Amino acid sequence: MTKDEYQYIIINLKKNAFVIGRILDNDLERVTASRFPAIEDIKRALMNSGANGVLMSGSGPSVFGVFESKDRARQSKTDLTSLDIGDIFLAEGLT
């Protein structure tokens, strides 16, 4: 990530209403997803289940979704469990 990208993130975080999907970025994801198409499948499933943004974590193997509400995240977990795509966990951000 370059300094310019950090500024873009900081500017967007300062806005009252911002789209989380616009600031999630992982350069390594492009390379990894080309070798492991399941990453894109999981990201698509998360978005289809209501995530506001999705991203592969670090160099993988985790993919996460950011949700507007706990209820939507819980429902997504239920939806995704039926897809048999791996272990699914709910986590809450620090406030």
PDB file of N, CA and C in Angstrom:
ATOM      1  N   MET A   1       0.848  -1.170   0.000  1.00  0.00           N
ATOM      2  CA  MET A   1       0.000   0.000   0.000  1.00  0.00           C
ATOM      3  C   MET A   1       0.896   1.237   0.000  1.00  0.00           C
ATOM      4  N   THR A   2       0.567   2.179  -0.817  1.00  0.00           N
ATOM      5  CA  THR A   2       1.356   3.402  -0.892  1.00  0.00           C
ATOM      6  C   THR A   2       0.796   4.465   0.044  1.00  0.00           C
ATOM      7  N   LYS A   3       1.569   5.507   0.264  1.00  0.00           N
ATOM      8  CA  LYS A   3       1.104   6.596   1.122  1.00  0.00           C
ATOM      9  C   LYS A   3      -0.184   7.204   0.591  1.00  0.00           C
ATOM     10  N   ASP A   4      -0.309   7.329  -0.731  1.00  0.00           N
ATOM     11  CA  ASP A   4      -1.522   7.894  -1.323  1.00  0.00           C
ATOM     12  C   ASP A   4      -2.744   7.060  -0.978  1.00  0.00           C
ATOM     13  N   GLU A   5      -2.577   5.735  -0.946  1.00  0.00           N
ATOM     14  CA  GLU A   5      -3.706   4.876  -0.594  1.00  0.00           C
ATOM     15  C   GLU A   5      -4.105   5.081   0.862  1.00  0.00           C
ATOM     16  N   TYR A   6      -3.145   5.287   1.745  1.00  0.00           N
ATOM     17  CA  TYR A   6      -3.463   5.562   3.143  1.00  0.00           C
ATOM     18  C   TYR A   6      -4.283   6.846   3.252  1.00  0.00           C
ATOM     19  N   GLN A   7      -3.895   7.867   2.521  1.00  0.00           N
ATOM     20  CA  GLN A   7      -4.640   9.127   2.551  1.00  0.00           C
ATOM     21  C   GLN A   7      -6.069   8.924   2.075  1.00  0.00           C
ATOM     22  N   TYR A   8      -6.243   8.116   1.027  1.00  0.00           N
ATOM     23  CA  TYR A   8      -7.576   7.819   0.511  1.00  0.00           C
ATOM     24  C   TYR A   8      -8.426   7.164   1.605  1.00  0.00           C
ATOM     25  N   ILE A   9      -7.842   6.224   2.330  1.00  0.00           N
ATOM     26  CA  ILE A   9      -8.557   5.530   3.402  1.00  0.00           C
ATOM     27  C   ILE A   9      -8.901   6.508   4.518  1.00  0.00           C
ATOM     28  N   ILE A  10      -7.950   7.321   4.935  1.00  0.00           N
ATOM     29  CA  ILE A  10      -8.179   8.283   6.015  1.00  0.00           C
ATOM     30  C   ILE A  10      -9.291   9.252   5.644  1.00  0.00           C
ATOM     31  N   ILE A  11      -9.263   9.761   4.440  1.00  0.00           N
ATOM     32  CA  ILE A  11     -10.304  10.694   3.985  1.00  0.00           C
ATOM     33  C   ILE A  11     -11.667  10.025   4.037  1.00  0.00           C
ATOM     34  N   ASN A  12     -11.771   8.781   3.571  1.00  0.00           N
ATOM     35  CA  ASN A  12     -13.053   8.083   3.566  1.00  0.00           C
ATOM     36  C   ASN A  12     -13.529   7.729   4.972  1.00  0.00           C
ATOM     37  N   LEU A  13     -12.621   7.382   5.866  1.00  0.00           N
ATOM     38  CA  LEU A  13     -13.026   7.064   7.229  1.00  0.00           C
ATOM     39  C   LEU A  13     -13.561   8.283   7.965  1.00  0.00           C
ATOM     40  N   LYS A  14     -13.126   9.470   7.584  1.00  0.00           N
ATOM     41  CA  LYS A  14     -13.584  10.691   8.233  1.00  0.00           C
ATOM     42  C   LYS A  14     -14.991  11.084   7.798  1.00  0.00           C
ATOM     43  N   LYS A  15     -15.477  10.513   6.718  1.00  0.00           N
ATOM     44  CA  LYS A  15     -16.824  10.828   6.246  1.00  0.00           C
ATOM     45  C   LYS A  15     -17.849  10.157   7.156  1.00  0.00           C
ATOM     46  N   ASN A  16     -18.976  10.804   7.338  1.00  0.00           N
ATOM     47  CA  ASN A  16     -20.036  10.224   8.164  1.00  0.00           C
ATOM     48  C   ASN A  16     -20.582   8.950   7.547  1.00  0.00           C
ATOM     49  N   ALA A  17     -20.772   8.955   6.256  1.00  0.00           N
ATOM     50  CA  ALA A  17     -21.287   7.775   5.571  1.00  0.00           C
ATOM     51  C   ALA A  17     -20.292   7.412   4.469  1.00  0.00           C
ATOM     52  N   PHE A  18     -19.633   6.273   4.627  1.00  0.00           N
ATOM     53  CA  PHE A  18     -18.687   5.858   3.602  1.00  0.00           C
ATOM     54  C   PHE A  18     -18.969   4.405   3.246  1.00  0.00           C
ATOM     55  N   VAL A  19     -18.477   4.002   2.110  1.00  0.00           N
ATOM     56  CA  VAL A  19     -18.679   2.646   1.630  1.00  0.00           C
ATOM     57  C   VAL A  19     -17.413   1.856   1.943  1.00  0.00           C
ATOM     58  N   ILE A  20     -17.518   0.915   2.876  1.00  0.00           N
ATOM     59  CA  ILE A  20     -16.348   0.153   3.330  1.00  0.00           C
ATOM     60  C   ILE A  20     -15.678  -0.580   2.170  1.00  0.00           C
ATOM     61  N   GLY A  21     -16.468  -1.050   1.227  1.00  0.00           N
ATOM     62  CA  GLY A  21     -15.921  -1.789   0.092  1.00  0.00           C
ATOM     63  C   GLY A  21     -14.934  -0.985  -0.736  1.00  0.00           C
ATOM     64  N   ARG A  22     -15.027   0.331  -0.670  1.00  0.00           N
ATOM     65  CA  ARG A  22     -14.120   1.185  -1.449  1.00  0.00           C
ATOM     66  C   ARG A  22     -12.721   1.278  -0.849  1.00  0.00           C
ATOM     67  N   ILE A  23     -12.598   0.966   0.439  1.00  0.00           N
ATOM     68  CA  ILE A  23     -11.280   1.112   1.059  1.00  0.00           C
ATOM     69  C   ILE A  23     -10.612  -0.226   1.365  1.00  0.00           C
ATOM     70  N   LEU A  24     -11.308  -1.339   1.142  1.00  0.00           N
ATOM     71  CA  LEU A  24     -10.700  -2.649   1.379  1.00  0.00           C
ATOM     72  C   LEU A  24      -9.840  -3.021   0.180  1.00  0.00           C
ATOM     73  N   ASP A  25      -8.575  -3.312   0.419  1.00  0.00           N
ATOM     74  CA  ASP A  25      -7.670  -3.633  -0.679  1.00  0.00           C
ATOM     75  C   ASP A  25      -6.565  -4.555  -0.170  1.00  0.00           C
ATOM     76  N   ASN A  26      -6.221  -5.526  -0.989  1.00  0.00           N
ATOM     77  CA  ASN A  26      -5.138  -6.452  -0.679  1.00  0.00           C
ATOM     78  C   ASN A  26      -4.488  -6.826  -2.008  1.00  0.00           C
ATOM     79  N   ASP A  27      -3.326  -6.280  -2.283  1.00  0.00           N
ATOM     80  CA  ASP A  27      -2.652  -6.538  -3.562  1.00  0.00           C
ATOM     81  C   ASP A  27      -2.360  -8.018  -3.774  1.00  0.00           C
ATOM     82  N   LEU A  28      -2.077  -8.737  -2.712  1.00  0.00           N
ATOM     83  CA  LEU A  28      -1.768 -10.156  -2.833  1.00  0.00           C
ATOM     84  C   LEU A  28      -2.994 -10.986  -3.217  1.00  0.00           C
ATOM     85  N   GLU A  29      -4.176 -10.467  -2.938  1.00  0.00           N
ATOM     86  CA  GLU A  29      -5.404 -11.202  -3.240  1.00  0.00           C
ATOM     87  C   GLU A  29      -5.511 -11.542  -4.724  1.00  0.00           C
ATOM     88  N   ARG A  30      -5.142 -10.632  -5.585  1.00  0.00           N
ATOM     89  CA  ARG A  30      -5.246 -10.872  -7.027  1.00  0.00           C
ATOM     90  C   ARG A  30      -4.420 -12.093  -7.449  1.00  0.00           C
ATOM     91  N   VAL A  31      -3.229 -12.191  -6.921  1.00  0.00           N
ATOM     92  CA  VAL A  31      -2.339 -13.307  -7.258  1.00  0.00           C
ATOM     93  C   VAL A  31      -2.887 -14.607  -6.681  1.00  0.00           C
ATOM     94  N   THR A  32      -3.262 -14.567  -5.415  1.00  0.00           N
ATOM     95  CA  THR A  32      -3.743 -15.772  -4.742  1.00  0.00           C
ATOM     96  C   THR A  32      -5.052 -16.266  -5.345  1.00  0.00           C
ATOM     97  N   ALA A  33      -5.978 -15.364  -5.625  1.00  0.00           N
ATOM     98  CA  ALA A  33      -7.275 -15.757  -6.187  1.00  0.00           C
ATOM     99  C   ALA A  33      -7.131 -16.361  -7.578  1.00  0.00           C
ATOM    100  N   SER A  34      -6.106 -15.967  -8.310  1.00  0.00           N
ATOM    101  CA  SER A  34      -5.913 -16.561  -9.640  1.00  0.00           C
ATOM    102  C   SER A  34      -5.530 -18.035  -9.529  1.00  0.00           C
ATOM    103  N   ARG A  35      -4.895 -18.400  -8.434  1.00  0.00           N
ATOM    104  CA  ARG A  35      -4.514 -19.808  -8.210  1.00  0.00           C
ATOM    105  C   ARG A  35      -5.577 -20.576  -7.450  1.00  0.00           C
ATOM    106  N   PHE A  36      -6.383 -19.847  -6.663  1.00  0.00           N
ATOM    107  CA  PHE A  36      -7.405 -20.481  -5.829  1.00  0.00           C
ATOM    108  C   PHE A  36      -8.752 -19.766  -6.053  1.00  0.00           C
ATOM    109  N   PRO A  37      -9.482 -20.185  -7.086  1.00  0.00           N
ATOM    110  CA  PRO A  37     -10.752 -19.526  -7.429  1.00  0.00           C
ATOM    111  C   PRO A  37     -11.790 -19.540  -6.304  1.00  0.00           C
ATOM    112  N   ALA A  38     -11.633 -20.417  -5.324  1.00  0.00           N
ATOM    113  CA  ALA A  38     -12.584 -20.464  -4.206  1.00  0.00           C
ATOM    114  C   ALA A  38     -12.628 -19.134  -3.465  1.00  0.00           C
ATOM    115  N   ILE A  39     -11.548 -18.380  -3.499  1.00  0.00           N
ATOM    116  CA  ILE A  39     -11.524 -17.079  -2.829  1.00  0.00           C
ATOM    117  C   ILE A  39     -12.590 -16.164  -3.421  1.00  0.00           C
ATOM    118  N   GLU A  40     -12.652 -16.089  -4.729  1.00  0.00           N
ATOM    119  CA  GLU A  40     -13.684 -15.250  -5.375  1.00  0.00           C
ATOM    120  C   GLU A  40     -15.077 -15.803  -5.119  1.00  0.00           C
ATOM    121  N   ASP A  41     -15.212 -17.131  -5.072  1.00  0.00           N
ATOM    122  CA  ASP A  41     -16.517 -17.744  -4.789  1.00  0.00           C
ATOM    123  C   ASP A  41     -16.999 -17.352  -3.394  1.00  0.00           C
ATOM    124  N   ILE A  42     -16.101 -17.393  -2.429  1.00  0.00           N
ATOM    125  CA  ILE A  42     -16.455 -17.038  -1.057  1.00  0.00           C
ATOM    126  C   ILE A  42     -16.779 -15.549  -0.960  1.00  0.00           C
ATOM    127  N   LYS A  43     -15.986 -14.713  -1.606  1.00  0.00           N
ATOM    128  CA  LYS A  43     -16.259 -13.267  -1.603  1.00  0.00           C
ATOM    129  C   LYS A  43     -17.634 -12.975  -2.204  1.00  0.00           C
ATOM    130  N   ARG A  44     -17.945 -13.633  -3.310  1.00  0.00           N
ATOM    131  CA  ARG A  44     -19.237 -13.443  -3.964  1.00  0.00           C
ATOM    132  C   ARG A  44     -20.375 -13.884  -3.031  1.00  0.00           C
ATOM    133  N   ALA A  45     -20.193 -15.019  -2.359  1.00  0.00           N
ATOM    134  CA  ALA A  45     -21.215 -15.511  -1.434  1.00  0.00           C
ATOM    135  C   ALA A  45     -21.436 -14.531  -0.286  1.00  0.00           C
ATOM    136  N   LEU A  46     -20.358 -13.965   0.237  1.00  0.00           N
ATOM    137  CA  LEU A  46     -20.482 -12.972   1.307  1.00  0.00           C
ATOM    138  C   LEU A  46     -21.230 -11.731   0.828  1.00  0.00           C
ATOM    139  N   MET A  47     -20.888 -11.245  -0.342  1.00  0.00           N
ATOM    140  CA  MET A  47     -21.580 -10.069  -0.883  1.00  0.00           C
ATOM    141  C   MET A  47     -23.058 -10.368  -1.127  1.00  0.00           C
ATOM    142  N   ASN A  48     -23.333 -11.552  -1.676  1.00  0.00           N
ATOM    143  CA  ASN A  48     -24.721 -11.934  -1.940  1.00  0.00           C
ATOM    144  C   ASN A  48     -25.529 -12.097  -0.658  1.00  0.00           C
ATOM    145  N   SER A  49     -24.839 -12.344   0.451  1.00  0.00           N
ATOM    146  CA  SER A  49     -25.550 -12.507   1.716  1.00  0.00           C
ATOM    147  C   SER A  49     -25.620 -11.207   2.513  1.00  0.00           C
ATOM    148  N   GLY A  50     -25.185 -10.113   1.916  1.00  0.00           N
ATOM    149  CA  GLY A  50     -25.390  -8.809   2.538  1.00  0.00           C
ATOM    150  C   GLY A  50     -24.178  -8.093   3.086  1.00  0.00           C
ATOM    151  N   ALA A  51     -22.977  -8.585   2.824  1.00  0.00           N
ATOM    152  CA  ALA A  51     -21.779  -7.889   3.310  1.00  0.00           C
ATOM    153  C   ALA A  51     -21.628  -6.545   2.601  1.00  0.00           C
ATOM    154  N   ASN A  52     -21.172  -5.545   3.341  1.00  0.00           N
ATOM    155  CA  ASN A  52     -20.917  -4.226   2.762  1.00  0.00           C
ATOM    156  C   ASN A  52     -19.557  -4.166   2.086  1.00  0.00           C
ATOM    157  N   GLY A  53     -18.678  -5.090   2.436  1.00  0.00           N
ATOM    158  CA  GLY A  53     -17.355  -5.190   1.846  1.00  0.00           C
ATOM    159  C   GLY A  53     -16.758  -6.540   2.188  1.00  0.00           C
ATOM    160  N   VAL A  54     -15.908  -7.052   1.313  1.00  0.00           N
ATOM    161  CA  VAL A  54     -15.261  -8.351   1.532  1.00  0.00           C
ATOM    162  C   VAL A  54     -13.805  -8.270   1.098  1.00  0.00           C
ATOM    163  N   LEU A  55     -12.960  -9.108   1.710  1.00  0.00           N
ATOM    164  CA  LEU A  55     -11.544  -9.081   1.381  1.00  0.00           C
ATOM    165  C   LEU A  55     -10.879 -10.355   1.889  1.00  0.00           C
ATOM    166  N   MET A  56      -9.861 -10.798   1.167  1.00  0.00           N
ATOM    167  CA  MET A  56      -9.008 -11.868   1.657  1.00  0.00           C
ATOM    168  C   MET A  56      -8.086 -11.248   2.703  1.00  0.00           C
ATOM    169  N   SER A  57      -7.873 -11.947   3.790  1.00  0.00           N
ATOM    170  CA  SER A  57      -7.032 -11.446   4.858  1.00  0.00           C
ATOM    171  C   SER A  57      -5.578 -11.833   4.631  1.00  0.00           C
ATOM    172  N   GLY A  58      -4.700 -10.863   4.592  1.00  0.00           N
ATOM    173  CA  GLY A  58      -3.268 -11.116   4.426  1.00  0.00           C
ATOM    174  C   GLY A  58      -2.973 -11.927   3.184  1.00  0.00           C
ATOM    175  N   SER A  59      -2.236 -13.014   3.362  1.00  0.00           N
ATOM    176  CA  SER A  59      -1.910 -13.889   2.230  1.00  0.00           C
ATOM    177  C   SER A  59      -2.888 -15.057   2.163  1.00  0.00           C
ATOM    178  N   GLY A  60      -3.993 -14.960   2.901  1.00  0.00           N
ATOM    179  CA  GLY A  60      -4.977 -16.024   2.973  1.00  0.00           C
ATOM    180  C   GLY A  60      -4.663 -16.873   4.188  1.00  0.00           C
ATOM    181  N   PRO A  61      -5.352 -17.875   4.468  1.00  0.00           N
ATOM    182  CA  PRO A  61      -6.450 -18.473   3.725  1.00  0.00           C
ATOM    183  C   PRO A  61      -7.824 -17.938   4.129  1.00  0.00           C
ATOM    184  N   SER A  62      -7.877 -16.856   4.878  1.00  0.00           N
ATOM    185  CA  SER A  62      -9.156 -16.338   5.358  1.00  0.00           C
ATOM    186  C   SER A  62      -9.727 -15.281   4.429  1.00  0.00           C
ATOM    187  N   VAL A  63     -11.043 -15.257   4.357  1.00  0.00           N
ATOM    188  CA  VAL A  63     -11.783 -14.207   3.658  1.00  0.00           C
ATOM    189  C   VAL A  63     -12.798 -13.690   4.663  1.00  0.00           C
ATOM    190  N   PHE A  64     -12.963 -12.376   4.730  1.00  0.00           N
ATOM    191  CA  PHE A  64     -13.918 -11.823   5.692  1.00  0.00           C
ATOM    192  C   PHE A  64     -14.884 -10.869   5.013  1.00  0.00           C
ATOM    193  N   GLY A  65     -16.014 -10.681   5.673  1.00  0.00           N
ATOM    194  CA  GLY A  65     -17.015  -9.725   5.230  1.00  0.00           C
ATOM    195  C   GLY A  65     -17.312  -8.756   6.351  1.00  0.00           C
ATOM    196  N   VAL A  66     -17.618  -7.526   5.989  1.00  0.00           N
ATOM    197  CA  VAL A  66     -17.993  -6.494   6.952  1.00  0.00           C
ATOM    198  C   VAL A  66     -19.483  -6.240   6.772  1.00  0.00           C
ATOM    199  N   PHE A  67     -20.220  -6.303   7.878  1.00  0.00           N
ATOM    200  CA  PHE A  67     -21.671  -6.169   7.833  1.00  0.00           C
ATOM    201  C   PHE A  67     -22.121  -4.961   8.628  1.00  0.00           C
ATOM    202  N   GLU A  68     -23.238  -4.403   8.226  1.00  0.00           N
ATOM    203  CA  GLU A  68     -23.783  -3.219   8.874  1.00  0.00           C
ATOM    204  C   GLU A  68     -24.380  -3.543  10.243  1.00  0.00           C
ATOM    205  N   SER A  69     -24.871  -4.778  10.412  1.00  0.00           N
ATOM    206  CA  SER A  69     -25.512  -5.126  11.673  1.00  0.00           C
ATOM    207  C   SER A  69     -25.149  -6.549  12.098  1.00  0.00           C
ATOM    208  N   LYS A  70     -25.270  -6.792  13.397  1.00  0.00           N
ATOM    209  CA  LYS A  70     -25.031  -8.137  13.924  1.00  0.00           C
ATOM    210  C   LYS A  70     -26.050  -9.116  13.355  1.00  0.00           C
ATOM    211  N   ASP A  71     -27.294  -8.663  13.241  1.00  0.00           N
ATOM    212  CA  ASP A  71     -28.335  -9.549  12.712  1.00  0.00           C
ATOM    213  C   ASP A  71     -28.023  -9.991  11.289  1.00  0.00           C
ATOM    214  N   ARG A  72     -27.577  -9.048  10.464  1.00  0.00           N
ATOM    215  CA  ARG A  72     -27.246  -9.394   9.069  1.00  0.00           C
ATOM    216  C   ARG A  72     -26.055 -10.357   9.037  1.00  0.00           C
ATOM    217  N   ALA A  73     -25.085 -10.153   9.905  1.00  0.00           N
ATOM    218  CA  ALA A  73     -23.924 -11.045   9.967  1.00  0.00           C
ATOM    219  C   ALA A  73     -24.341 -12.445  10.421  1.00  0.00           C
ATOM    220  N   ARG A  74     -25.206 -12.511  11.413  1.00  0.00           N
ATOM    221  CA  ARG A  74     -25.690 -13.818  11.880  1.00  0.00           C
ATOM    222  C   ARG A  74     -26.441 -14.548  10.770  1.00  0.00           C
ATOM    223  N   GLN A  75     -27.282 -13.836  10.057  1.00  0.00           N
ATOM    224  CA  GLN A  75     -28.038 -14.453   8.967  1.00  0.00           C
ATOM    225  C   GLN A  75     -27.094 -14.919   7.863  1.00  0.00           C
ATOM    226  N   SER A  76     -26.085 -14.133   7.594  1.00  0.00           N
ATOM    227  CA  SER A  76     -25.096 -14.515   6.580  1.00  0.00           C
ATOM    228  C   SER A  76     -24.382 -15.797   6.982  1.00  0.00           C
ATOM    229  N   LYS A  77     -24.032 -15.898   8.248  1.00  0.00           N
ATOM    230  CA  LYS A  77     -23.368 -17.125   8.712  1.00  0.00           C
ATOM    231  C   LYS A  77     -24.264 -18.330   8.459  1.00  0.00           C
ATOM    232  N   THR A  78     -25.532 -18.201   8.755  1.00  0.00           N
ATOM    233  CA  THR A  78     -26.480 -19.287   8.506  1.00  0.00           C
ATOM    234  C   THR A  78     -26.540 -19.615   7.015  1.00  0.00           C
ATOM    235  N   ASP A  79     -26.639 -18.576   6.198  1.00  0.00           N
ATOM    236  CA  ASP A  79     -26.701 -18.773   4.746  1.00  0.00           C
ATOM    237  C   ASP A  79     -25.448 -19.477   4.225  1.00  0.00           C
ATOM    238  N   LEU A  80     -24.284 -19.009   4.664  1.00  0.00           N
ATOM    239  CA  LEU A  80     -23.020 -19.539   4.150  1.00  0.00           C
ATOM    240  C   LEU A  80     -22.712 -20.944   4.662  1.00  0.00           C
ATOM    241  N   THR A  81     -23.184 -21.267   5.854  1.00  0.00           N
ATOM    242  CA  THR A  81     -22.947 -22.603   6.397  1.00  0.00           C
ATOM    243  C   THR A  81     -23.513 -23.672   5.473  1.00  0.00           C
ATOM    244  N   SER A  82     -24.624 -23.386   4.859  1.00  0.00           N
ATOM    245  CA  SER A  82     -25.255 -24.362   3.960  1.00  0.00           C
ATOM    246  C   SER A  82     -24.460 -24.568   2.668  1.00  0.00           C
ATOM    247  N   LEU A  83     -23.511 -23.684   2.375  1.00  0.00           N
ATOM    248  CA  LEU A  83     -22.714 -23.801   1.141  1.00  0.00           C
ATOM    249  C   LEU A  83     -21.513 -24.718   1.293  1.00  0.00           C
ATOM    250  N   ASP A  84     -21.188 -25.112   2.510  1.00  0.00           N
ATOM    251  CA  ASP A  84     -20.056 -25.995   2.780  1.00  0.00           C
ATOM    252  C   ASP A  84     -18.764 -25.459   2.153  1.00  0.00           C
ATOM    253  N   ILE A  85     -18.419 -24.210   2.536  1.00  0.00           N
ATOM    254  CA  ILE A  85     -17.227 -23.556   1.975  1.00  0.00           C
ATOM    255  C   ILE A  85     -16.085 -23.462   2.982  1.00  0.00           C
ATOM    256  N   GLY A  86     -16.230 -24.100   4.115  1.00  0.00           N
ATOM    257  CA  GLY A  86     -15.192 -24.062   5.141  1.00  0.00           C
ATOM    258  C   GLY A  86     -15.751 -23.562   6.451  1.00  0.00           C
ATOM    259  N   ASP A  87     -14.864 -23.354   7.401  1.00  0.00           N
ATOM    260  CA  ASP A  87     -15.283 -22.867   8.716  1.00  0.00           C
ATOM    261  C   ASP A  87     -15.722 -21.416   8.622  1.00  0.00           C
ATOM    262  N   ILE A  88     -16.780 -21.091   9.348  1.00  0.00           N
ATOM    263  CA  ILE A  88     -17.319 -19.735   9.333  1.00  0.00           C
ATOM    264  C   ILE A  88     -17.425 -19.248  10.771  1.00  0.00           C
ATOM    265  N   PHE A  89     -16.891 -18.068  11.016  1.00  0.00           N
ATOM    266  CA  PHE A  89     -16.889 -17.494  12.354  1.00  0.00           C
ATOM    267  C   PHE A  89     -17.486 -16.099  12.321  1.00  0.00           C
ATOM    268  N   LEU A  90     -18.116 -15.716  13.411  1.00  0.00           N
ATOM    269  CA  LEU A  90     -18.564 -14.344  13.588  1.00  0.00           C
ATOM    270  C   LEU A  90     -17.584 -13.650  14.527  1.00  0.00           C
ATOM    271  N   ALA A  91     -17.211 -12.457  14.201  1.00  0.00           N
ATOM    272  CA  ALA A  91     -16.320 -11.666  15.050  1.00  0.00           C
ATOM    273  C   ALA A  91     -16.878 -10.257  15.121  1.00  0.00           C
ATOM    274  N   GLU A  92     -16.688  -9.638  16.249  1.00  0.00           N
ATOM    275  CA  GLU A  92     -17.171  -8.281  16.437  1.00  0.00           C
ATOM    276  C   GLU A  92     -15.983  -7.345  16.546  1.00  0.00           C
ATOM    277  N   GLY A  93     -16.075  -6.206  15.894  1.00  0.00           N
ATOM    278  CA  GLY A  93     -15.013  -5.224  15.954  1.00  0.00           C
ATOM    279  C   GLY A  93     -14.935  -4.549  17.321  1.00  0.00           C
ATOM    280  N   LEU A  94     -13.793  -3.990  17.610  1.00  0.00           N
ATOM    281  CA  LEU A  94     -13.618  -3.252  18.838  1.00  0.00           C
ATOM    282  C   LEU A  94     -14.299  -1.902  18.717  1.00  0.00           C
ATOM    283  N   THR A  95     -14.901  -1.456  19.794  1.00  0.00           N
ATOM    284  CA  THR A  95     -15.545  -0.140  19.769  1.00  0.00           C
ATOM    285  C   THR A  95     -14.940   0.776  20.792  1.00  0.00           C
TER     286      THR A  95
END
